[in-house]
Amino acid sequence: NVRLSDGSFLVAGRHLAAFTDDEERAVKLEH
C-alpha cells in the first residue's frame, strides 16, 4: 500500500521478489 507523492504505487512497473504463493501453500498458511 505504499504510494508515492504522485499517487502511484511504489511497486508499479517494478521488478521484485517476495514470498511466493506456492511457498505459502507449501507451509499450509494460504488460508
Full PDB file with SEQRES, HELIX, SHEET, SSBOND, CRYST1, ORIGX, SCALE, CONECT and MASTER records, all heavy atoms in Angstrom:
SEQRES   1 A   31  ASN VAL ARG LEU SER ASP GLY SER PHE LEU VAL ALA GLY          
SEQRES   2 A   31  ARG HIS LEU ALA ALA PHE THR ASP ASP GLU GLU ARG ALA          
SEQRES   3 A   31  VAL LYS LEU GLU HIS                                          
HELIX    1 AA1 ASP A   21  ALA A   26  1                                   6    
CRYST1    1.000    1.000    1.000  90.00  90.00  90.00 P 1           1          
ORIGX1      1.000000  0.000000  0.000000        0.00000                         
ORIGX2      0.000000  1.000000  0.000000        0.00000                         
ORIGX3      0.000000  0.000000  1.000000        0.00000                         
SCALE1      1.000000  0.000000  0.000000        0.00000                         
SCALE2      0.000000  1.000000  0.000000        0.00000                         
SCALE3      0.000000  0.000000  1.000000        0.00000                         
ATOM      1  N   ASN A   1       0.801  -1.228   0.000  1.00  0.00           N  
ATOM      2  CA  ASN A   1       0.000   0.000   0.000  1.00  0.00           C  
ATOM      3  C   ASN A   1       0.831   1.275   0.000  1.00  0.00           C  
ATOM      4  O   ASN A   1       0.287   2.355   0.252  1.00  0.00           O  
ATOM      5  CB  ASN A   1      -0.943   0.004   1.209  1.00  0.00           C  
ATOM      6  CG  ASN A   1      -2.022  -1.052   1.093  1.00  0.00           C  
ATOM      7  OD1 ASN A   1      -2.545  -1.316   0.017  1.00  0.00           O  
ATOM      8  ND2 ASN A   1      -2.349  -1.686   2.217  1.00  0.00           N  
ATOM      9  N   VAL A   2       2.123   1.177  -0.289  1.00  0.00           N  
ATOM     10  CA  VAL A   2       2.948   2.393  -0.330  1.00  0.00           C  
ATOM     11  C   VAL A   2       2.711   3.125  -1.647  1.00  0.00           C  
ATOM     12  O   VAL A   2       2.984   2.600  -2.728  1.00  0.00           O  
ATOM     13  CB  VAL A   2       4.444   2.059  -0.173  1.00  0.00           C  
ATOM     14  CG1 VAL A   2       5.287   3.325  -0.371  1.00  0.00           C  
ATOM     15  CG2 VAL A   2       4.714   1.458   1.195  1.00  0.00           C  
ATOM     16  N   ARG A   3       2.199   4.334  -1.516  1.00  0.00           N  
ATOM     17  CA  ARG A   3       2.013   5.201  -2.683  1.00  0.00           C  
ATOM     18  C   ARG A   3       3.006   6.350  -2.606  1.00  0.00           C  
ATOM     19  O   ARG A   3       3.316   6.863  -1.520  1.00  0.00           O  
ATOM     20  CB  ARG A   3       0.589   5.754  -2.736  1.00  0.00           C  
ATOM     21  CG  ARG A   3      -0.471   4.706  -3.057  1.00  0.00           C  
ATOM     22  CD  ARG A   3      -1.847   5.361  -3.148  1.00  0.00           C  
ATOM     23  NE  ARG A   3      -2.909   4.404  -3.392  1.00  0.00           N  
ATOM     24  CZ  ARG A   3      -3.338   4.045  -4.602  1.00  0.00           C  
ATOM     25  NH1 ARG A   3      -2.773   4.573  -5.684  1.00  0.00           N  
ATOM     26  NH2 ARG A   3      -4.319   3.179  -4.738  1.00  0.00           N  
ATOM     27  N   LEU A   4       3.483   6.771  -3.761  1.00  0.00           N  
ATOM     28  CA  LEU A   4       4.380   7.914  -3.840  1.00  0.00           C  
ATOM     29  C   LEU A   4       3.562   9.202  -3.833  1.00  0.00           C  
ATOM     30  O   LEU A   4       2.324   9.178  -3.869  1.00  0.00           O  
ATOM     31  CB  LEU A   4       5.244   7.797  -5.087  1.00  0.00           C  
ATOM     32  CG  LEU A   4       6.057   6.497  -5.186  1.00  0.00           C  
ATOM     33  CD1 LEU A   4       6.855   6.461  -6.479  1.00  0.00           C  
ATOM     34  CD2 LEU A   4       6.969   6.336  -3.977  1.00  0.00           C  
ATOM     35  N   SER A   5       4.246  10.330  -3.799  1.00  0.00           N  
ATOM     36  CA  SER A   5       3.549  11.606  -3.708  1.00  0.00           C  
ATOM     37  C   SER A   5       2.652  11.873  -4.901  1.00  0.00           C  
ATOM     38  O   SER A   5       1.685  12.641  -4.791  1.00  0.00           O  
ATOM     39  CB  SER A   5       4.568  12.742  -3.559  1.00  0.00           C  
ATOM     40  OG  SER A   5       5.251  12.622  -2.320  1.00  0.00           O  
ATOM     41  N   ASP A   6       2.939  11.234  -6.036  1.00  0.00           N  
ATOM     42  CA  ASP A   6       2.084  11.417  -7.207  1.00  0.00           C  
ATOM     43  C   ASP A   6       0.890  10.472  -7.216  1.00  0.00           C  
ATOM     44  O   ASP A   6       0.103  10.461  -8.175  1.00  0.00           O  
ATOM     45  CB  ASP A   6       2.888  11.261  -8.496  1.00  0.00           C  
ATOM     46  CG  ASP A   6       3.453   9.851  -8.694  1.00  0.00           C  
ATOM     47  OD1 ASP A   6       3.154   8.943  -7.874  1.00  0.00           O  
ATOM     48  OD2 ASP A   6       4.204   9.638  -9.665  1.00  0.00           O  
ATOM     49  N   GLY A   7       0.735   9.674  -6.157  1.00  0.00           N  
ATOM     50  CA  GLY A   7      -0.403   8.772  -6.040  1.00  0.00           C  
ATOM     51  C   GLY A   7      -0.180   7.385  -6.596  1.00  0.00           C  
ATOM     52  O   GLY A   7      -1.018   6.495  -6.390  1.00  0.00           O  
ATOM     53  N   SER A   8       0.941   7.157  -7.268  1.00  0.00           N  
ATOM     54  CA  SER A   8       1.201   5.834  -7.847  1.00  0.00           C  
ATOM     55  C   SER A   8       1.764   4.904  -6.781  1.00  0.00           C  
ATOM     56  O   SER A   8       2.378   5.334  -5.801  1.00  0.00           O  
ATOM     57  CB  SER A   8       2.194   5.951  -9.006  1.00  0.00           C  
ATOM     58  OG  SER A   8       3.455   6.396  -8.535  1.00  0.00           O  
ATOM     59  N   PHE A   9       1.535   3.593  -6.980  1.00  0.00           N  
ATOM     60  CA  PHE A   9       2.158   2.611  -6.101  1.00  0.00           C  
ATOM     61  C   PHE A   9       3.659   2.560  -6.363  1.00  0.00           C  
ATOM     62  O   PHE A   9       4.092   2.537  -7.522  1.00  0.00           O  
ATOM     63  CB  PHE A   9       1.551   1.225  -6.320  1.00  0.00           C  
ATOM     64  CG  PHE A   9       0.175   1.059  -5.753  1.00  0.00           C  
ATOM     65  CD1 PHE A   9      -0.927   0.939  -6.596  1.00  0.00           C  
ATOM     66  CD2 PHE A   9      -0.026   1.027  -4.383  1.00  0.00           C  
ATOM     67  CE1 PHE A   9      -2.199   0.790  -6.073  1.00  0.00           C  
ATOM     68  CE2 PHE A   9      -1.298   0.867  -3.851  1.00  0.00           C  
ATOM     69  CZ  PHE A   9      -2.383   0.756  -4.698  1.00  0.00           C  
ATOM     70  N   LEU A  10       4.446   2.496  -5.298  1.00  0.00           N  
ATOM     71  CA  LEU A  10       5.900   2.414  -5.461  1.00  0.00           C  
ATOM     72  C   LEU A  10       6.286   1.214  -6.315  1.00  0.00           C  
ATOM     73  O   LEU A  10       7.229   1.294  -7.103  1.00  0.00           O  
ATOM     74  CB  LEU A  10       6.562   2.330  -4.081  1.00  0.00           C  
ATOM     75  CG  LEU A  10       8.087   2.404  -4.029  1.00  0.00           C  
ATOM     76  CD1 LEU A  10       8.553   2.914  -2.674  1.00  0.00           C  
ATOM     77  CD2 LEU A  10       8.756   1.056  -4.303  1.00  0.00           C  
ATOM     78  N   VAL A  11       5.564   0.098  -6.151  1.00  0.00           N  
ATOM     79  CA  VAL A  11       5.954  -1.139  -6.851  1.00  0.00           C  
ATOM     80  C   VAL A  11       5.470  -1.193  -8.294  1.00  0.00           C  
ATOM     81  O   VAL A  11       5.876  -2.103  -9.036  1.00  0.00           O  
ATOM     82  CB  VAL A  11       5.449  -2.390  -6.106  1.00  0.00           C  
ATOM     83  CG1 VAL A  11       6.046  -2.461  -4.712  1.00  0.00           C  
ATOM     84  CG2 VAL A  11       3.921  -2.425  -6.054  1.00  0.00           C  
ATOM     85  N   ALA A  12       4.626  -0.273  -8.710  1.00  0.00           N  
ATOM     86  CA  ALA A  12       4.027  -0.369 -10.054  1.00  0.00           C  
ATOM     87  C   ALA A  12       5.103  -0.341 -11.132  1.00  0.00           C  
ATOM     88  O   ALA A  12       5.936   0.570 -11.180  1.00  0.00           O  
ATOM     89  CB  ALA A  12       3.045   0.766 -10.264  1.00  0.00           C  
ATOM     90  N   GLY A  13       5.105  -1.378 -11.961  1.00  0.00           N  
ATOM     91  CA  GLY A  13       6.051  -1.468 -13.061  1.00  0.00           C  
ATOM     92  C   GLY A  13       7.453  -1.864 -12.657  1.00  0.00           C  
ATOM     93  O   GLY A  13       8.358  -1.870 -13.501  1.00  0.00           O  
ATOM     94  N   ARG A  14       7.642  -2.234 -11.395  1.00  0.00           N  
ATOM     95  CA  ARG A  14       8.984  -2.565 -10.923  1.00  0.00           C  
ATOM     96  C   ARG A  14       9.136  -4.079 -10.722  1.00  0.00           C  
ATOM     97  O   ARG A  14       8.212  -4.758 -10.288  1.00  0.00           O  
ATOM     98  CB  ARG A  14       9.296  -1.833  -9.615  1.00  0.00           C  
ATOM     99  CG  ARG A  14       9.239  -0.335  -9.785  1.00  0.00           C  
ATOM    100  CD  ARG A  14       9.801   0.412  -8.591  1.00  0.00           C  
ATOM    101  NE  ARG A  14       9.631   1.853  -8.786  1.00  0.00           N  
ATOM    102  CZ  ARG A  14      10.441   2.613  -9.515  1.00  0.00           C  
ATOM    103  NH1 ARG A  14      11.508   2.078 -10.093  1.00  0.00           N  
ATOM    104  NH2 ARG A  14      10.207   3.906  -9.654  1.00  0.00           N  
ATOM    105  N   HIS A  15      10.323  -4.559 -11.029  1.00  0.00           N  
ATOM    106  CA  HIS A  15      10.638  -5.976 -10.866  1.00  0.00           C  
ATOM    107  C   HIS A  15      10.960  -6.244  -9.409  1.00  0.00           C  
ATOM    108  O   HIS A  15      11.748  -5.519  -8.781  1.00  0.00           O  
ATOM    109  CB  HIS A  15      11.839  -6.350 -11.740  1.00  0.00           C  
ATOM    110  CG  HIS A  15      11.579  -6.192 -13.205  1.00  0.00           C  
ATOM    111  ND1 HIS A  15      11.169  -7.244 -14.003  1.00  0.00           N  
ATOM    112  CD2 HIS A  15      11.662  -5.105 -14.026  1.00  0.00           C  
ATOM    113  CE1 HIS A  15      11.011  -6.815 -15.242  1.00  0.00           C  
ATOM    114  NE2 HIS A  15      11.305  -5.512 -15.279  1.00  0.00           N  
ATOM    115  N   LEU A  16      10.368  -7.294  -8.853  1.00  0.00           N  
ATOM    116  CA  LEU A  16      10.636  -7.617  -7.454  1.00  0.00           C  
ATOM    117  C   LEU A  16      10.465  -9.105  -7.181  1.00  0.00           C  
ATOM    118  O   LEU A  16       9.936  -9.864  -7.997  1.00  0.00           O  
ATOM    119  CB  LEU A  16       9.757  -6.783  -6.523  1.00  0.00           C  
ATOM    120  CG  LEU A  16       8.238  -6.795  -6.678  1.00  0.00           C  
ATOM    121  CD1 LEU A  16       7.609  -8.101  -6.234  1.00  0.00           C  
ATOM    122  CD2 LEU A  16       7.622  -5.652  -5.864  1.00  0.00           C  
ATOM    123  N   ALA A  17      10.930  -9.501  -6.018  1.00  0.00           N  
ATOM    124  CA  ALA A  17      10.766 -10.862  -5.498  1.00  0.00           C  
ATOM    125  C   ALA A  17      10.089 -10.758  -4.142  1.00  0.00           C  
ATOM    126  O   ALA A  17      10.244  -9.765  -3.425  1.00  0.00           O  
ATOM    127  CB  ALA A  17      12.116 -11.563  -5.364  1.00  0.00           C  
ATOM    128  N   ALA A  18       9.332 -11.776  -3.789  1.00  0.00           N  
ATOM    129  CA  ALA A  18       8.666 -11.841  -2.481  1.00  0.00           C  
ATOM    130  C   ALA A  18       8.272 -13.291  -2.252  1.00  0.00           C  
ATOM    131  O   ALA A  18       8.282 -14.108  -3.182  1.00  0.00           O  
ATOM    132  CB  ALA A  18       7.441 -10.928  -2.439  1.00  0.00           C  
ATOM    133  N   PHE A  19       7.905 -13.607  -1.024  1.00  0.00           N  
ATOM    134  CA  PHE A  19       7.438 -14.950  -0.693  1.00  0.00           C  
ATOM    135  C   PHE A  19       6.319 -15.326  -1.652  1.00  0.00           C  
ATOM    136  O   PHE A  19       5.327 -14.598  -1.785  1.00  0.00           O  
ATOM    137  CB  PHE A  19       6.934 -14.979   0.747  1.00  0.00           C  
ATOM    138  CG  PHE A  19       6.887 -16.345   1.361  1.00  0.00           C  
ATOM    139  CD1 PHE A  19       8.057 -17.028   1.681  1.00  0.00           C  
ATOM    140  CD2 PHE A  19       5.677 -16.949   1.666  1.00  0.00           C  
ATOM    141  CE1 PHE A  19       8.020 -18.286   2.272  1.00  0.00           C  
ATOM    142  CE2 PHE A  19       5.624 -18.201   2.269  1.00  0.00           C  
ATOM    143  CZ  PHE A  19       6.811 -18.872   2.570  1.00  0.00           C  
ATOM    144  N   THR A  20       6.477 -16.449  -2.337  1.00  0.00           N  
ATOM    145  CA  THR A  20       5.559 -16.767  -3.420  1.00  0.00           C  
ATOM    146  C   THR A  20       4.289 -17.436  -2.900  1.00  0.00           C  
ATOM    147  O   THR A  20       4.234 -17.968  -1.797  1.00  0.00           O  
ATOM    148  CB  THR A  20       6.230 -17.707  -4.435  1.00  0.00           C  
ATOM    149  OG1 THR A  20       6.443 -18.984  -3.816  1.00  0.00           O  
ATOM    150  CG2 THR A  20       7.554 -17.146  -4.929  1.00  0.00           C  
ATOM    151  N   ASP A  21       3.278 -17.419  -3.751  1.00  0.00           N  
ATOM    152  CA  ASP A  21       2.038 -18.114  -3.397  1.00  0.00           C  
ATOM    153  C   ASP A  21       2.296 -19.602  -3.203  1.00  0.00           C  
ATOM    154  O   ASP A  21       1.701 -20.234  -2.309  1.00  0.00           O  
ATOM    155  CB  ASP A  21       0.986 -17.901  -4.498  1.00  0.00           C  
ATOM    156  CG  ASP A  21       0.569 -16.445  -4.634  1.00  0.00           C  
ATOM    157  OD1 ASP A  21       1.031 -15.590  -3.844  1.00  0.00           O  
ATOM    158  OD2 ASP A  21      -0.233 -16.151  -5.551  1.00  0.00           O  
ATOM    159  N   ASP A  22       3.172 -20.178  -4.024  1.00  0.00           N  
ATOM    160  CA  ASP A  22       3.484 -21.606  -3.879  1.00  0.00           C  
ATOM    161  C   ASP A  22       4.172 -21.883  -2.545  1.00  0.00           C  
ATOM    162  O   ASP A  22       3.903 -22.912  -1.903  1.00  0.00           O  
ATOM    163  CB  ASP A  22       4.382 -22.078  -5.030  1.00  0.00           C  
ATOM    164  CG  ASP A  22       3.600 -22.313  -6.316  1.00  0.00           C  
ATOM    165  OD1 ASP A  22       2.354 -22.368  -6.261  1.00  0.00           O  
ATOM    166  OD2 ASP A  22       4.241 -22.437  -7.375  1.00  0.00           O  
ATOM    167  N   GLU A  23       5.054 -20.991  -2.117  1.00  0.00           N  
ATOM    168  CA  GLU A  23       5.707 -21.188  -0.824  1.00  0.00           C  
ATOM    169  C   GLU A  23       4.688 -21.065   0.314  1.00  0.00           C  
ATOM    170  O   GLU A  23       4.759 -21.816   1.298  1.00  0.00           O  
ATOM    171  CB  GLU A  23       6.849 -20.176  -0.660  1.00  0.00           C  
ATOM    172  CG  GLU A  23       8.067 -20.541  -1.502  1.00  0.00           C  
ATOM    173  CD  GLU A  23       9.131 -19.466  -1.541  1.00  0.00           C  
ATOM    174  OE1 GLU A  23       8.771 -18.266  -1.584  1.00  0.00           O  
ATOM    175  OE2 GLU A  23      10.323 -19.816  -1.538  1.00  0.00           O  
ATOM    176  N   GLU A  24       3.736 -20.145   0.171  1.00  0.00           N  
ATOM    177  CA  GLU A  24       2.704 -20.015   1.204  1.00  0.00           C  
ATOM    178  C   GLU A  24       1.868 -21.287   1.283  1.00  0.00           C  
ATOM    179  O   GLU A  24       1.511 -21.754   2.378  1.00  0.00           O  
ATOM    180  CB  GLU A  24       1.812 -18.812   0.894  1.00  0.00           C  
ATOM    181  CG  GLU A  24       1.113 -18.221   2.093  1.00  0.00           C  
ATOM    182  CD  GLU A  24       2.069 -17.545   3.063  1.00  0.00           C  
ATOM    183  OE1 GLU A  24       2.478 -16.394   2.817  1.00  0.00           O  
ATOM    184  OE2 GLU A  24       2.392 -18.188   4.089  1.00  0.00           O  
ATOM    185  N   ARG A  25       1.569 -21.864   0.137  1.00  0.00           N  
ATOM    186  CA  ARG A  25       0.818 -23.127   0.136  1.00  0.00           C  
ATOM    187  C   ARG A  25       1.663 -24.254   0.730  1.00  0.00           C  
ATOM    188  O   ARG A  25       1.147 -25.131   1.429  1.00  0.00           O  
ATOM    189  CB  ARG A  25       0.381 -23.474  -1.281  1.00  0.00           C  
ATOM    190  CG  ARG A  25      -0.623 -22.483  -1.875  1.00  0.00           C  
ATOM    191  CD  ARG A  25      -1.117 -22.917  -3.253  1.00  0.00           C  
ATOM    192  NE  ARG A  25      -1.934 -21.879  -3.861  1.00  0.00           N  
ATOM    193  CZ  ARG A  25      -1.517 -21.034  -4.798  1.00  0.00           C  
ATOM    194  NH1 ARG A  25      -0.269 -21.118  -5.270  1.00  0.00           N  
ATOM    195  NH2 ARG A  25      -2.329 -20.110  -5.280  1.00  0.00           N  
ATOM    196  N   ALA A  26       2.957 -24.218   0.467  1.00  0.00           N  
ATOM    197  CA  ALA A  26       3.835 -25.279   0.963  1.00  0.00           C  
ATOM    198  C   ALA A  26       3.890 -25.295   2.490  1.00  0.00           C  
ATOM    199  O   ALA A  26       4.054 -26.364   3.087  1.00  0.00           O  
ATOM    200  CB  ALA A  26       5.244 -25.113   0.395  1.00  0.00           C  
ATOM    201  N   VAL A  27       3.745 -24.133   3.113  1.00  0.00           N  
ATOM    202  CA  VAL A  27       3.748 -24.091   4.580  1.00  0.00           C  
ATOM    203  C   VAL A  27       2.320 -24.129   5.137  1.00  0.00           C  
ATOM    204  O   VAL A  27       2.116 -23.964   6.340  1.00  0.00           O  
ATOM    205  CB  VAL A  27       4.505 -22.849   5.112  1.00  0.00           C  
ATOM    206  CG1 VAL A  27       5.969 -22.928   4.721  1.00  0.00           C  
ATOM    207  CG2 VAL A  27       3.884 -21.547   4.636  1.00  0.00           C  
ATOM    208  N   LYS A  28       1.355 -24.350   4.242  1.00  0.00           N  
ATOM    209  CA  LYS A  28      -0.059 -24.557   4.604  1.00  0.00           C  
ATOM    210  C   LYS A  28      -0.654 -23.362   5.357  1.00  0.00           C  
ATOM    211  O   LYS A  28      -1.449 -23.514   6.281  1.00  0.00           O  
ATOM    212  CB  LYS A  28      -0.220 -25.842   5.420  1.00  0.00           C  
ATOM    213  CG  LYS A  28       0.281 -27.091   4.695  1.00  0.00           C  
ATOM    214  CD  LYS A  28      -0.029 -28.350   5.466  1.00  0.00           C  
ATOM    215  CE  LYS A  28       0.599 -29.578   4.803  1.00  0.00           C  
ATOM    216  NZ  LYS A  28       0.235 -29.726   3.379  1.00  0.00           N  
ATOM    217  N   LEU A  29      -0.265 -22.173   4.897  1.00  0.00           N  
ATOM    218  CA  LEU A  29      -0.797 -20.963   5.525  1.00  0.00           C  
ATOM    219  C   LEU A  29      -1.571 -20.094   4.539  1.00  0.00           C  
ATOM    220  O   LEU A  29      -1.920 -18.955   4.851  1.00  0.00           O  
ATOM    221  CB  LEU A  29       0.330 -20.148   6.155  1.00  0.00           C  
ATOM    222  CG  LEU A  29       0.979 -20.788   7.392  1.00  0.00           C  
ATOM    223  CD1 LEU A  29       2.191 -19.977   7.834  1.00  0.00           C  
ATOM    224  CD2 LEU A  29      -0.029 -20.895   8.540  1.00  0.00           C  
ATOM    225  N   GLU A  30      -1.858 -20.650   3.363  1.00  0.00           N  
ATOM    226  CA  GLU A  30      -2.532 -19.833   2.351  1.00  0.00           C  
ATOM    227  C   GLU A  30      -3.921 -19.385   2.771  1.00  0.00           C  
ATOM    228  O   GLU A  30      -4.439 -18.366   2.278  1.00  0.00           O  
ATOM    229  CB  GLU A  30      -2.579 -20.580   1.005  1.00  0.00           C  
ATOM    230  CG  GLU A  30      -3.561 -21.739   0.927  1.00  0.00           C  
ATOM    231  CD  GLU A  30      -2.988 -23.067   1.405  1.00  0.00           C  
ATOM    232  OE1 GLU A  30      -1.994 -23.056   2.184  1.00  0.00           O  
ATOM    233  OE2 GLU A  30      -3.530 -24.111   1.011  1.00  0.00           O  
ATOM    234  N   HIS A  31      -4.547 -20.133   3.700  1.00  0.00           N  
ATOM    235  CA  HIS A  31      -5.878 -19.745   4.186  1.00  0.00           C  
ATOM    236  C   HIS A  31      -5.816 -19.070   5.557  1.00  0.00           C  
ATOM    237  O   HIS A  31      -6.865 -18.743   6.124  1.00  0.00           O  
ATOM    238  CB  HIS A  31      -6.787 -20.972   4.250  1.00  0.00           C  
ATOM    239  CG  HIS A  31      -6.988 -21.642   2.930  1.00  0.00           C  
ATOM    240  ND1 HIS A  31      -7.509 -20.991   1.836  1.00  0.00           N  
ATOM    241  CD2 HIS A  31      -6.706 -22.911   2.508  1.00  0.00           C  
ATOM    242  CE1 HIS A  31      -7.557 -21.815   0.800  1.00  0.00           C  
ATOM    243  NE2 HIS A  31      -7.072 -22.985   1.180  1.00  0.00           N  
TER     244      HIS A  31                                                      
MASTER        0    0    0    1    0    0    0    6  243    1    0    3          
END                                                                             
